[in-house]
C-alpha atoms as a PDB file:
ATOM      1  CA  MET A   1     -17.778  -4.693 -15.732  1.00  0.00           C
ATOM      2  CA  ALA A   2     -20.092  -5.850 -18.505  1.00  0.00           C
ATOM      3  CA  ASP A   3     -17.357  -7.495 -20.613  1.00  0.00           C
ATOM      4  CA  ALA A   4     -15.564  -9.262 -17.774  1.00  0.00           C
ATOM      5  CA  ALA A   5     -15.199 -12.368 -19.919  1.00  0.00           C
ATOM      6  CA  LYS A   6     -13.172 -10.323 -22.423  1.00  0.00           C
ATOM      7  CA  SER A   7     -10.973  -8.710 -19.774  1.00  0.00           C
ATOM      8  CA  PRO A   8      -7.259  -9.599 -19.710  1.00  0.00           C
ATOM      9  CA  LEU A   9      -7.927 -10.609 -16.087  1.00  0.00           C
ATOM     10  CA  ALA A  10     -10.705 -13.070 -16.880  1.00  0.00           C
ATOM     11  CA  GLY A  11     -10.044 -16.297 -15.003  1.00  0.00           C
ATOM     12  CA  LYS A  12      -6.777 -15.040 -13.510  1.00  0.00           C
ATOM     13  CA  ARG A  13      -6.154 -16.119  -9.928  1.00  0.00           C
ATOM     14  CA  VAL A  14      -4.802 -13.084  -8.089  1.00  0.00           C
ATOM     15  CA  VAL A  15      -3.206 -13.433  -4.650  1.00  0.00           C
ATOM     16  CA  VAL A  16      -3.888 -10.381  -2.474  1.00  0.00           C
ATOM     17  CA  THR A  17      -1.425 -10.017   0.393  1.00  0.00           C
ATOM     18  CA  ARG A  18      -3.165  -7.061   2.014  1.00  0.00           C
ATOM     19  CA  ALA A  19      -4.449  -7.229   5.582  1.00  0.00           C
ATOM     20  CA  ILE A  20      -7.919  -8.581   6.263  1.00  0.00           C
ATOM     21  CA  GLY A  21     -10.374  -5.696   6.339  1.00  0.00           C
ATOM     22  CA  GLN A  22      -8.599  -3.749   3.595  1.00  0.00           C
ATOM     23  CA  THR A  23      -9.463  -5.895   0.610  1.00  0.00           C
ATOM     24  CA  SER A  24     -13.196  -5.511  -0.025  1.00  0.00           C
ATOM     25  CA  ASP A  25     -12.957  -2.764  -2.659  1.00  0.00           C
ATOM     26  CA  LEU A  26     -10.016  -4.415  -4.381  1.00  0.00           C
ATOM     27  CA  ASN A  27     -11.631  -7.854  -4.426  1.00  0.00           C
ATOM     28  CA  ALA A  28     -14.833  -6.374  -5.821  1.00  0.00           C
ATOM     29  CA  ARG A  29     -12.962  -4.643  -8.629  1.00  0.00           C
ATOM     30  CA  LEU A  30     -10.922  -7.748  -9.437  1.00  0.00           C
ATOM     31  CA  THR A  31     -14.089  -9.830  -9.552  1.00  0.00           C
ATOM     32  CA  ALA A  32     -15.762  -7.265 -11.815  1.00  0.00           C
ATOM     33  CA  HIS A  33     -12.861  -7.763 -14.224  1.00  0.00           C
ATOM     34  CA  GLY A  34     -13.359 -11.528 -14.174  1.00  0.00           C
ATOM     35  CA  ALA A  35     -10.404 -12.273 -11.896  1.00  0.00           C
ATOM     36  CA  ILE A  36     -10.472 -14.667  -8.939  1.00  0.00           C
ATOM     37  CA  PRO A  37      -9.061 -12.959  -5.831  1.00  0.00           C
ATOM     38  CA  ILE A  38      -7.281 -15.167  -3.287  1.00  0.00           C
ATOM     39  CA  SER A  39      -6.760 -13.692   0.155  1.00  0.00           C
ATOM     40  CA  LEU A  40      -3.327 -14.315   1.663  1.00  0.00           C
ATOM     41  CA  PRO A  41      -2.769 -11.552   4.241  1.00  0.00           C
ATOM     42  CA  LEU A  42       0.902 -11.069   5.018  1.00  0.00           C
ATOM     43  CA  VAL A  43       0.481  -8.155   7.406  1.00  0.00           C
ATOM     44  CA  SER A  44      -1.616  -7.520  10.468  1.00  0.00           C
ATOM     45  CA  PHE A  45      -1.772  -4.654  12.933  1.00  0.00           C
ATOM     46  CA  ALA A  46      -1.367  -4.347  16.687  1.00  0.00           C
ATOM     47  CA  PRO A  47      -1.315  -1.542  19.265  1.00  0.00           C
ATOM     48  CA  PRO A  48       1.998   0.164  20.083  1.00  0.00           C
ATOM     49  CA  THR A  49       3.970  -1.389  22.929  1.00  0.00           C
ATOM     50  CA  ASP A  50       3.782   1.959  24.722  1.00  0.00           C
ATOM     51  CA  TYR A  51       0.820   4.311  24.350  1.00  0.00           C
ATOM     52  CA  ALA A  52       2.435   7.170  26.287  1.00  0.00           C
ATOM     53  CA  PRO A  53       3.872   9.110  23.289  1.00  0.00           C
ATOM     54  CA  LEU A  54       0.607   8.824  21.351  1.00  0.00           C
ATOM     55  CA  ASP A  55      -1.483   9.802  24.362  1.00  0.00           C
ATOM     56  CA  ALA A  56       0.691  12.835  25.000  1.00  0.00           C
ATOM     57  CA  ALA A  57       0.312  13.951  21.383  1.00  0.00           C
ATOM     58  CA  LEU A  58      -3.453  13.455  21.480  1.00  0.00           C
ATOM     59  CA  ARG A  59      -3.783  15.602  24.583  1.00  0.00           C
ATOM     60  CA  GLN A  60      -2.030  18.483  22.848  1.00  0.00           C
ATOM     61  CA  LEU A  61      -3.384  17.866  19.357  1.00  0.00           C
ATOM     62  CA  HIS A  62      -4.642  21.429  19.022  1.00  0.00           C
ATOM     63  CA  SER A  63      -1.082  22.742  19.396  1.00  0.00           C
ATOM     64  CA  PHE A  64       0.146  21.236  16.122  1.00  0.00           C
ATOM     65  CA  ASP A  65       0.158  23.303  12.940  1.00  0.00           C
ATOM     66  CA  TRP A  66      -0.122  20.200  10.776  1.00  0.00           C
ATOM     67  CA  ILE A  67      -1.261  16.626  11.301  1.00  0.00           C
ATOM     68  CA  ILE A  68      -0.021  14.305   8.578  1.00  0.00           C
ATOM     69  CA  PHE A  69      -1.678  10.949   7.942  1.00  0.00           C
ATOM     70  CA  THR A  70       0.108   8.656   5.507  1.00  0.00           C
ATOM     71  CA  SER A  71      -2.341   5.763   5.736  1.00  0.00           C
ATOM     72  CA  ALA A  72      -5.882   4.899   6.681  1.00  0.00           C
ATOM     73  CA  ASN A  73      -4.359   2.642   9.335  1.00  0.00           C
ATOM     74  CA  ALA A  74      -2.761   5.652  11.025  1.00  0.00           C
ATOM     75  CA  VAL A  75      -6.079   7.498  11.077  1.00  0.00           C
ATOM     76  CA  HIS A  76      -7.856   4.465  12.490  1.00  0.00           C
ATOM     77  CA  ALA A  77      -5.213   3.961  15.181  1.00  0.00           C
ATOM     78  CA  VAL A  78      -5.347   7.605  16.264  1.00  0.00           C
ATOM     79  CA  ALA A  79      -9.148   7.748  16.198  1.00  0.00           C
ATOM     80  CA  SER A  80      -9.504   4.504  18.145  1.00  0.00           C
ATOM     81  CA  ARG A  81      -7.114   5.608  20.840  1.00  0.00           C
ATOM     82  CA  ALA A  82      -8.816   8.988  21.099  1.00  0.00           C
ATOM     83  CA  VAL A  83     -12.126   7.254  21.747  1.00  0.00           C
ATOM     84  CA  GLN A  84     -10.515   5.082  24.439  1.00  0.00           C
ATOM     85  CA  GLU A  85      -9.100   8.180  26.114  1.00  0.00           C
ATOM     86  CA  GLY A  86     -12.304  10.202  25.796  1.00  0.00           C
ATOM     87  CA  ILE A  87     -10.741  12.734  23.430  1.00  0.00           C
ATOM     88  CA  ALA A  88     -12.994  14.277  20.776  1.00  0.00           C
ATOM     89  CA  LEU A  89     -10.763  14.573  17.713  1.00  0.00           C
ATOM     90  CA  ASP A  90     -13.145  16.789  15.750  1.00  0.00           C
ATOM     91  CA  GLN A  91     -13.188  19.299  18.594  1.00  0.00           C
ATOM     92  CA  LYS A  92      -9.422  19.181  19.055  1.00  0.00           C
ATOM     93  CA  VAL A  93      -8.704  20.230  15.479  1.00  0.00           C
ATOM     94  CA  SER A  94     -11.711  22.406  14.687  1.00  0.00           C
ATOM     95  CA  GLY A  95     -12.726  25.915  15.593  1.00  0.00           C
ATOM     96  CA  ASP A  96     -10.838  29.075  14.708  1.00  0.00           C
ATOM     97  CA  GLN A  97      -8.653  29.619  11.680  1.00  0.00           C
ATOM     98  CA  ASN A  98      -5.554  28.782  13.696  1.00  0.00           C
ATOM     99  CA  ARG A  99      -6.655  25.175  14.064  1.00  0.00           C
ATOM    100  CA  SER A 100      -4.423  22.287  13.039  1.00  0.00           C
ATOM    101  CA  GLN A 101      -4.422  21.582   9.338  1.00  0.00           C
ATOM    102  CA  ILE A 102      -4.670  18.012   8.157  1.00  0.00           C
ATOM    103  CA  ALA A 103      -2.769  16.554   5.210  1.00  0.00           C
ATOM    104  CA  VAL A 104      -3.419  13.046   3.906  1.00  0.00           C
ATOM    105  CA  VAL A 105      -1.583  10.859   1.453  1.00  0.00           C
ATOM    106  CA  GLY A 106      -4.550   9.861  -0.693  1.00  0.00           C
ATOM    107  CA  PRO A 107      -8.307   9.385  -1.096  1.00  0.00           C
ATOM    108  CA  ALA A 108      -8.570   6.268   1.092  1.00  0.00           C
ATOM    109  CA  THR A 109      -6.860   8.092   3.936  1.00  0.00           C
ATOM    110  CA  LYS A 110      -9.061  11.127   3.344  1.00  0.00           C
ATOM    111  CA  ALA A 111     -12.163   8.943   3.610  1.00  0.00           C
ATOM    112  CA  GLU A 112     -10.950   7.359   6.856  1.00  0.00           C
ATOM    113  CA  ALA A 113     -10.241  10.806   8.283  1.00  0.00           C
ATOM    114  CA  ALA A 114     -13.710  11.998   7.314  1.00  0.00           C
ATOM    115  CA  ALA A 115     -15.226   8.987   9.081  1.00  0.00           C
ATOM    116  CA  ALA A 116     -13.363  10.085  12.206  1.00  0.00           C
ATOM    117  CA  GLY A 117     -14.772  13.592  11.902  1.00  0.00           C
ATOM    118  CA  LEU A 118     -11.619  15.116  10.462  1.00  0.00           C
ATOM    119  CA  SER A 119     -11.672  17.193   7.289  1.00  0.00           C
ATOM    120  CA  ALA A 120      -8.542  17.007   5.142  1.00  0.00           C
ATOM    121  CA  ASP A 121      -7.079  20.373   4.152  1.00  0.00           C
ATOM    122  CA  TYR A 122      -4.648  18.854   1.678  1.00  0.00           C
ATOM    123  CA  VAL A 123      -4.634  15.587  -0.277  1.00  0.00           C
ATOM    124  CA  ALA A 124      -1.377  14.605  -1.943  1.00  0.00           C
ATOM    125  CA  LYS A 125      -1.400  14.654  -5.732  1.00  0.00           C
ATOM    126  CA  THR A 126       1.122  11.817  -5.746  1.00  0.00           C
ATOM    127  CA  HIS A 127       0.063   9.302  -3.141  1.00  0.00           C
ATOM    128  CA  LEU A 128       3.382   8.827  -1.359  1.00  0.00           C
ATOM    129  CA  GLY A 129       4.542  10.192   1.989  1.00  0.00           C
ATOM    130  CA  VAL A 130       7.660  11.914   0.681  1.00  0.00           C
ATOM    131  CA  ALA A 131       5.698  13.376  -2.230  1.00  0.00           C
ATOM    132  CA  LEU A 132       3.155  14.765   0.233  1.00  0.00           C
ATOM    133  CA  ALA A 133       5.924  16.508   2.182  1.00  0.00           C
ATOM    134  CA  GLU A 134       7.452  17.936  -0.979  1.00  0.00           C
ATOM    135  CA  GLU A 135       4.083  19.212  -2.190  1.00  0.00           C
ATOM    136  CA  LEU A 136       3.500  21.023   1.102  1.00  0.00           C
ATOM    137  CA  GLY A 137       7.008  22.452   0.866  1.00  0.00           C
ATOM    138  CA  ASP A 138       7.488  25.861   2.491  1.00  0.00           C
ATOM    139  CA  ARG A 139       4.174  25.561   4.298  1.00  0.00           C
ATOM    140  CA  LEU A 140       5.971  23.279   6.745  1.00  0.00           C
ATOM    141  CA  LEU A 141       8.849  25.632   7.538  1.00  0.00           C
ATOM    142  CA  ASN A 142       9.068  26.154  11.313  1.00  0.00           C
ATOM    143  CA  LYS A 143       5.666  24.488  11.715  1.00  0.00           C
ATOM    144  CA  SER A 144       4.931  21.857  14.344  1.00  0.00           C
ATOM    145  CA  VAL A 145       3.956  18.594  12.658  1.00  0.00           C
ATOM    146  CA  PHE A 146       2.351  15.525  14.212  1.00  0.00           C
ATOM    147  CA  LEU A 147       3.138  12.327  12.317  1.00  0.00           C
ATOM    148  CA  PRO A 148       1.494   9.140  13.689  1.00  0.00           C
ATOM    149  CA  ARG A 149       2.835   6.044  11.924  1.00  0.00           C
ATOM    150  CA  SER A 150       3.634   2.357  11.998  1.00  0.00           C
ATOM    151  CA  ASP A 151       6.710   1.066  13.785  1.00  0.00           C
ATOM    152  CA  ARG A 152       7.902  -0.226  10.394  1.00  0.00           C
ATOM    153  CA  ALA A 153       7.210   2.871   8.340  1.00  0.00           C
ATOM    154  CA  ASN A 154       9.801   4.037   5.833  1.00  0.00           C
ATOM    155  CA  PRO A 155      12.287   6.570   7.316  1.00  0.00           C
ATOM    156  CA  ASP A 156      12.342   8.737   4.193  1.00  0.00           C
ATOM    157  CA  LEU A 157       9.355  10.861   5.214  1.00  0.00           C
ATOM    158  CA  PRO A 158      10.647  12.078   8.605  1.00  0.00           C
ATOM    159  CA  ALA A 159      13.938  12.951   6.915  1.00  0.00           C
ATOM    160  CA  ALA A 160      12.096  14.929   4.229  1.00  0.00           C
ATOM    161  CA  LEU A 161      10.001  16.780   6.822  1.00  0.00           C
ATOM    162  CA  SER A 162      13.070  17.728   8.839  1.00  0.00           C
ATOM    163  CA  LYS A 163      14.817  18.918   5.688  1.00  0.00           C
ATOM    164  CA  LEU A 164      11.853  21.195   5.000  1.00  0.00           C
ATOM    165  CA  GLY A 165      12.255  22.762   8.435  1.00  0.00           C
ATOM    166  CA  ALA A 166       9.301  21.133  10.182  1.00  0.00           C
ATOM    167  CA  LYS A 167       9.292  20.682  13.952  1.00  0.00           C
ATOM    168  CA  LEU A 168       8.421  17.032  13.918  1.00  0.00           C
ATOM    169  CA  THR A 169       6.660  14.927  16.525  1.00  0.00           C
ATOM    170  CA  GLU A 170       6.673  11.373  15.187  1.00  0.00           C
ATOM    171  CA  VAL A 171       4.965   8.676  17.241  1.00  0.00           C
ATOM    172  CA  ILE A 172       4.240   4.996  16.777  1.00  0.00           C
ATOM    173  CA  ALA A 173       0.460   4.762  16.565  1.00  0.00           C
ATOM    174  CA  TYR A 174       0.379   1.062  15.692  1.00  0.00           C
ATOM    175  CA  ARG A 175       2.642  -1.891  14.921  1.00  0.00           C
ATOM    176  CA  THR A 176       2.783  -3.856  11.682  1.00  0.00           C
ATOM    177  CA  ILE A 177       3.188  -7.594  12.328  1.00  0.00           C
ATOM    178  CA  PRO A 178       2.813 -10.890  10.450  1.00  0.00           C
ATOM    179  CA  PRO A 179      -0.616 -12.529  10.855  1.00  0.00           C
ATOM    180  CA  ASP A 180      -0.635 -15.359  13.372  1.00  0.00           C
ATOM    181  CA  ASP A 181      -2.266 -17.824  10.993  1.00  0.00           C
ATOM    182  CA  THR A 182       0.019 -17.341   7.999  1.00  0.00           C
ATOM    183  CA  ASN A 183       2.885 -19.799   7.579  1.00  0.00           C
ATOM    184  CA  ARG A 184       5.104 -21.176   4.885  1.00  0.00           C
ATOM    185  CA  SER A 185       2.945 -24.210   4.157  1.00  0.00           C
ATOM    186  CA  ARG A 186      -0.128 -22.038   3.597  1.00  0.00           C
ATOM    187  CA  ILE A 187       1.773 -19.698   1.290  1.00  0.00           C
ATOM    188  CA  ASN A 188       3.110 -22.616  -0.726  1.00  0.00           C
ATOM    189  CA  ALA A 189      -0.337 -24.176  -0.904  1.00  0.00           C
ATOM    190  CA  VAL A 190      -1.804 -20.988  -2.333  1.00  0.00           C
ATOM    191  CA  ILE A 191       1.000 -20.400  -4.813  1.00  0.00           C
ATOM    192  CA  ASP A 192       0.991 -24.049  -5.902  1.00  0.00           C
ATOM    193  CA  ARG A 193      -2.647 -23.768  -6.974  1.00  0.00           C
ATOM    194  CA  GLU A 194      -1.320 -22.120 -10.120  1.00  0.00           C
ATOM    195  CA  ALA A 195      -1.785 -18.527  -9.031  1.00  0.00           C
ATOM    196  CA  ASP A 196      -1.353 -16.145 -11.935  1.00  0.00           C
ATOM    197  CA  ALA A 197      -0.385 -13.036  -9.971  1.00  0.00           C
ATOM    198  CA  ILE A 198       0.499 -11.780  -6.525  1.00  0.00           C
ATOM    199  CA  LEU A 199      -0.021  -8.218  -5.279  1.00  0.00           C
ATOM    200  CA  PHE A 200       2.246  -6.582  -2.689  1.00  0.00           C
ATOM    201  CA  PHE A 201       1.150  -3.343  -1.035  1.00  0.00           C
ATOM    202  CA  SER A 202       4.036  -2.668   1.355  1.00  0.00           C
ATOM    203  CA  PRO A 203       7.644  -3.584   2.103  1.00  0.00           C
ATOM    204  CA  SER A 204       6.346  -5.273   5.266  1.00  0.00           C
ATOM    205  CA  ALA A 205       4.357  -7.755   3.187  1.00  0.00           C
ATOM    206  CA  VAL A 206       7.390  -8.415   0.991  1.00  0.00           C
ATOM    207  CA  ASN A 207       9.670  -8.942   3.963  1.00  0.00           C
ATOM    208  CA  ASN A 208       7.174 -11.196   5.741  1.00  0.00           C
ATOM    209  CA  PHE A 209       6.851 -13.293   2.586  1.00  0.00           C
ATOM    210  CA  ALA A 210      10.629 -13.585   2.349  1.00  0.00           C
ATOM    211  CA  ALA A 211      10.939 -14.475   6.033  1.00  0.00           C
ATOM    212  CA  LEU A 212       8.340 -17.225   5.737  1.00  0.00           C
ATOM    213  CA  THR A 213       9.440 -18.778   2.448  1.00  0.00           C
ATOM    214  CA  GLY A 214      13.056 -17.747   1.931  1.00  0.00           C
ATOM    215  CA  ARG A 215      14.455 -14.786   0.031  1.00  0.00           C
ATOM    216  CA  GLU A 216      14.938 -16.847  -3.123  1.00  0.00           C
ATOM    217  CA  HIS A 217      11.264 -17.775  -3.467  1.00  0.00           C
ATOM    218  CA  LEU A 218      10.076 -14.557  -5.126  1.00  0.00           C
ATOM    219  CA  ALA A 219      13.096 -14.538  -7.415  1.00  0.00           C
ATOM    220  CA  THR A 220      11.910 -17.933  -8.662  1.00  0.00           C
ATOM    221  CA  LEU A 221       8.230 -16.996  -8.756  1.00  0.00           C
ATOM    222  CA  GLN A 222       8.838 -13.970 -10.973  1.00  0.00           C
ATOM    223  CA  ASN A 223       9.456 -16.342 -13.879  1.00  0.00           C
ATOM    224  CA  THR A 224       6.056 -17.988 -13.576  1.00  0.00           C
ATOM    225  CA  ILE A 225       3.562 -15.448 -12.183  1.00  0.00           C
ATOM    226  CA  ALA A 226       3.010 -11.705 -12.344  1.00  0.00           C
ATOM    227  CA  ILE A 227       4.314  -9.765  -9.351  1.00  0.00           C
ATOM    228  CA  VAL A 228       2.741  -6.358  -8.809  1.00  0.00           C
ATOM    229  CA  ALA A 229       4.177  -3.754  -6.450  1.00  0.00           C
ATOM    230  CA  VAL A 230       2.004  -0.906  -5.229  1.00  0.00           C
ATOM    231  CA  GLY A 231       4.384   2.047  -5.280  1.00  0.00           C
ATOM    232  CA  PRO A 232       8.132   2.432  -5.801  1.00  0.00           C
ATOM    233  CA  ILE A 233       9.033   1.718  -2.163  1.00  0.00           C
ATOM    234  CA  THR A 234       7.407  -1.711  -2.347  1.00  0.00           C
ATOM    235  CA  ALA A 235       9.069  -2.304  -5.716  1.00  0.00           C
ATOM    236  CA  ARG A 236      12.432  -1.471  -4.163  1.00  0.00           C
ATOM    237  CA  ALA A 237      11.823  -4.011  -1.407  1.00  0.00           C
ATOM    238  CA  LEU A 238      11.080  -6.649  -4.037  1.00  0.00           C
ATOM    239  CA  ASN A 239      14.210  -5.753  -6.001  1.00  0.00           C
ATOM    240  CA  GLU A 240      16.308  -6.085  -2.859  1.00  0.00           C
ATOM    241  CA  ILE A 241      15.321  -9.730  -2.447  1.00  0.00           C
ATOM    242  CA  GLY A 242      15.936 -10.582  -6.087  1.00  0.00           C
ATOM    243  CA  ALA A 243      12.551  -9.987  -7.753  1.00  0.00           C
ATOM    244  CA  HIS A 244      13.320  -7.710 -10.692  1.00  0.00           C
ATOM    245  CA  HIS A 245      10.477  -8.595 -13.089  1.00  0.00           C
ATOM    246  CA  VAL A 246       7.944  -6.481 -11.259  1.00  0.00           C
ATOM    247  CA  THR A 247       4.960  -4.513 -12.511  1.00  0.00           C
ATOM    248  CA  ILE A 248       4.575  -1.248 -10.592  1.00  0.00           C
ATOM    249  CA  ALA A 249       1.139   0.283 -10.121  1.00  0.00           C
ATOM    250  CA  ALA A 250       1.191   3.944 -11.084  1.00  0.00           C
ATOM    251  CA  ASP A 251      -0.819   4.885  -8.024  1.00  0.00           C
ATOM    252  CA  THR A 252      -2.006   3.371  -4.757  1.00  0.00           C
ATOM    253  CA  THR A 253      -5.694   3.467  -5.638  1.00  0.00           C
ATOM    254  CA  THR A 254      -7.606   0.247  -6.218  1.00  0.00           C
ATOM    255  CA  ALA A 255      -8.310   1.286  -9.809  1.00  0.00           C
ATOM    256  CA  ALA A 256      -4.618   1.865 -10.522  1.00  0.00           C
ATOM    257  CA  VAL A 257      -3.617  -1.494  -9.056  1.00  0.00           C
ATOM    258  CA  VAL A 258      -6.163  -3.411 -11.126  1.00  0.00           C
ATOM    259  CA  ASP A 259      -5.292  -1.417 -14.261  1.00  0.00           C
ATOM    260  CA  ALA A 260      -1.597  -2.228 -13.819  1.00  0.00           C
ATOM    261  CA  LEU A 261      -2.396  -5.917 -13.524  1.00  0.00           C
ATOM    262  CA  ALA A 262      -4.753  -5.836 -16.510  1.00  0.00           C
ATOM    263  CA  ASN A 263      -2.174  -4.020 -18.630  1.00  0.00           C
ATOM    264  CA  HIS A 264       0.433  -6.615 -17.699  1.00  0.00           C
ATOM    265  CA  PHE A 265      -1.724  -9.504 -18.862  1.00  0.00           C
ATOM    266  CA  ALA A 266      -2.872  -7.612 -21.940  1.00  0.00           C
ATOM    267  CA  SER A 267       0.777  -7.047 -22.906  1.00  0.00           C
ATOM    268  CA  SER A 268       1.656 -10.658 -22.117  1.00  0.00           C
ATOM    269  CA  GLY A 269      -1.228 -11.848 -24.261  1.00  0.00           C
ATOM    270  CA  ALA A 270      -0.135  -9.663 -27.147  1.00  0.00           C
ATOM    271  CA  SER A 271       3.424 -10.963 -26.855  1.00  0.00           C
ATOM    272  CA  ALA A 272       2.213 -14.552 -26.792  1.00  0.00           C
ATOM    273  CA  ALA A 273       0.063 -13.973 -29.864  1.00  0.00           C
ATOM    274  CA  ALA A 274       3.014 -12.443 -31.673  1.00  0.00           C
ATOM    275  CA  THR A 275       5.034 -15.609 -31.058  1.00  0.00           C
ATOM    276  CA  SER A 276       2.376 -18.269 -31.631  1.00  0.00           C
ATOM    277  CA  PRO A 277       3.621 -21.801 -32.530  1.00  0.00           C
ATOM    278  CA  SER A 278       2.951 -21.364 -36.263  1.00  0.00           C
ATOM    279  CA  GLN A 279       4.726 -18.018 -36.318  1.00  0.00           C
ATOM    280  CA  SER A 280       7.622 -19.397 -34.299  1.00  0.00           C
ATOM    281  CA  SER A 281       8.014 -22.327 -36.665  1.00  0.00           C
ATOM    282  CA  SER A 282       7.926 -20.014 -39.657  1.00  0.00           C
ATOM    283  CA  GLN A 283      10.511 -17.750 -38.087  1.00  0.00           C
ATOM    284  CA  ALA A 284      12.647 -20.740 -37.165  1.00  0.00           C
ATOM    285  CA  GLY A 285      12.588 -21.835 -40.804  1.00  0.00           C
ATOM    286  CA  VAL A 286      13.766 -18.396 -41.899  1.00  0.00           C
ATOM    287  CA  ASN A 287      16.567 -18.521 -39.349  1.00  0.00           C
ATOM    288  CA  ARG A 288      17.695 -21.964 -40.490  1.00  0.00           C
ATOM    289  CA  ALA A 289      17.699 -20.758 -44.092  1.00  0.00           C
END
């Protein structure tokens, strides 16, 4: 960004709670806008405690009408396990016109699928799991659907798929856990360096933050720094622990997240300018009169 110095994000210290390995694009875009990204991963990923359900689904992958991926993590977990088991994913879901169709929640998931040799047949217009199900609608009626997910994934999507008449096979492809090296003292140290904003990408990150620092911490922080939620489900998790002054990114893309943050600071700057000390004094004089 050529005018990074003039960006509303110039000099802003932005805490990114996303897992290590998922932040490069975001950090690059923040930096291009003049912001200073601070990595504070609040989620990490681990294999499922039992691979049997996933392995069984992989062996019969060709029998599913639809495979639904709601995150790049799910694609990566499935692809990695397939390699370990000697299963060629691209062969399992390619071939005749009766092959499995693949639906993904957004462009990042589509890209991860492509890297695994899987071509997405449908990309959600609204990048949320439930929205993806609703967009597919009647195409799921009486269709067998494979849904690999995290052990902490939101239950709304399976309920929506069942309501649409899908024959659902949901398996835990990976677990979402707190990073081993993140603790309360580290979080406090980062926040106490006068961070200007903190970005949350999932309810898991919100809940891990609350577990490490106390539920009241974010409620207090919202008065001093910008809190950005990526998606309404994450925003709901923040609301539930008392953080109500939350900026919600319109979409899950990196561009949308950075735009939401920039718009927040642009609006804050405009509000501050509108109530500058001289203006406030003048207005106070009018009020006293």
